[in-house]
């Protein structure tokens, strides 16, 4: 398992979006987004897939800690958050 610290995760809606989005990447078998830790854990046999994971997270508005967190990232994360809440019960 590999872990990445991310920015802009605010709620379970964000976590749902992150998990669904990252799980759609080939060679990712399991994903967990931690609200308290702001870390995403990825289960993959191929460590090079993390480049794709980081790009996907940034595109959804959740860039890696230490990378630029632009207004666009923040706005995109709000949309991703709302989308993730739609499927919540």
Protein backbone atom coordinates (compact mmCIF):
# COMPACT_ATOMS: atom_id res chain seq x y z
CA UNK A 1 0.00 0.00 0.00
CA UNK A 2 1.13 3.49 -0.83
CA UNK A 3 0.03 6.71 0.84
CA UNK A 4 -0.25 10.31 -0.37
CA UNK A 5 -1.09 13.39 1.73
CA UNK A 6 -3.57 15.66 -0.05
CA UNK A 7 -5.12 19.09 0.30
CA UNK A 8 -8.77 20.27 0.31
CA UNK A 9 -10.47 17.15 1.70
CA UNK A 10 -13.34 18.43 3.83
CA UNK A 11 -15.99 15.76 4.28
CA UNK A 12 -17.22 12.27 3.44
CA UNK A 13 -18.47 13.60 0.07
CA UNK A 14 -14.88 14.50 -0.83
CA UNK A 15 -13.69 11.07 0.31
CA UNK A 16 -16.38 9.32 -1.77
CA UNK A 17 -15.33 11.24 -4.89
CA UNK A 18 -11.65 10.55 -4.25
CA UNK A 19 -12.19 6.84 -3.69
CA UNK A 20 -14.38 6.43 -6.77
CA UNK A 21 -12.04 8.47 -8.98
CA UNK A 22 -8.82 6.77 -7.93
CA UNK A 23 -10.39 3.31 -8.07
CA UNK A 24 -11.12 3.93 -11.77
CA UNK A 25 -7.38 3.91 -12.51
CA UNK A 26 -6.06 0.64 -13.92
CA UNK A 27 -3.96 -1.38 -11.48
CA UNK A 28 -5.55 0.21 -8.39
CA UNK A 29 -7.37 -2.48 -6.41
CA UNK A 30 -8.35 -0.57 -3.26
CA UNK A 31 -8.49 3.07 -2.12
CA UNK A 32 -9.18 4.70 1.22
CA UNK A 33 -9.41 8.45 1.83
CA UNK A 34 -8.89 9.49 5.46
CA UNK A 35 -10.74 12.60 6.56
CA UNK A 36 -8.82 13.05 9.80
CA UNK A 37 -5.41 12.48 8.24
CA UNK A 38 -5.98 14.02 4.77
CA UNK A 39 -4.20 10.98 3.35
CA UNK A 40 -5.19 8.66 0.56
CA UNK A 41 -4.06 5.04 0.79
CA UNK A 42 -3.78 3.18 -2.50
CA UNK A 43 -3.39 -0.57 -2.89
CA UNK A 44 -1.53 -1.34 -6.11
CA UNK A 45 1.11 -3.79 -7.23
CA UNK A 46 2.68 -1.16 -9.48
CA UNK A 47 4.27 1.80 -7.69
CA UNK A 48 4.54 3.76 -10.95
CA UNK A 49 0.74 4.05 -10.99
CA UNK A 50 1.11 6.72 -8.28
CA UNK A 51 1.98 9.26 -10.98
CA UNK A 52 -1.49 8.67 -12.45
CA UNK A 53 -3.06 8.77 -8.98
CA UNK A 54 -1.48 12.16 -8.20
CA UNK A 55 -2.60 13.60 -11.54
CA UNK A 56 -6.14 12.29 -11.03
CA UNK A 57 -6.31 13.72 -7.51
CA UNK A 58 -5.08 17.14 -8.67
CA UNK A 59 -7.60 17.13 -11.53
CA UNK A 60 -10.39 16.45 -9.00
CA UNK A 61 -9.18 19.37 -6.83
CA UNK A 62 -7.09 17.45 -4.30
CA UNK A 63 -3.40 18.17 -5.04
CA UNK A 64 -0.63 16.53 -3.07
CA UNK A 65 0.58 18.40 0.02
CA UNK A 66 3.56 20.50 -1.03
CA UNK A 67 2.20 21.14 -4.52
CA UNK A 68 0.42 24.31 -5.58
CA UNK A 69 -3.14 24.58 -4.27
CA UNK A 70 -4.61 27.06 -6.71
CA UNK A 71 -8.02 28.72 -6.69
CA UNK A 72 -8.95 26.31 -9.49
CA UNK A 73 -8.01 23.31 -7.31
CA UNK A 74 -10.10 24.67 -4.46
CA UNK A 75 -13.11 25.37 -6.69
CA UNK A 76 -12.85 21.95 -8.32
CA UNK A 77 -12.73 20.27 -4.90
CA UNK A 78 -16.02 21.95 -3.94
CA UNK A 79 -17.66 20.53 -7.07
CA UNK A 80 -16.12 17.11 -6.39
CA UNK A 81 -17.35 17.32 -2.81
CA UNK A 82 -20.90 18.04 -3.92
CA UNK A 83 -20.80 15.19 -6.42
CA UNK A 84 -19.61 12.80 -3.73
CA UNK A 85 -22.47 13.77 -1.44
CA UNK A 86 -25.12 12.83 -4.01
CA UNK A 87 -24.57 9.11 -3.41
CA UNK A 88 -24.46 9.36 0.40
CA UNK A 89 -27.24 7.98 2.53
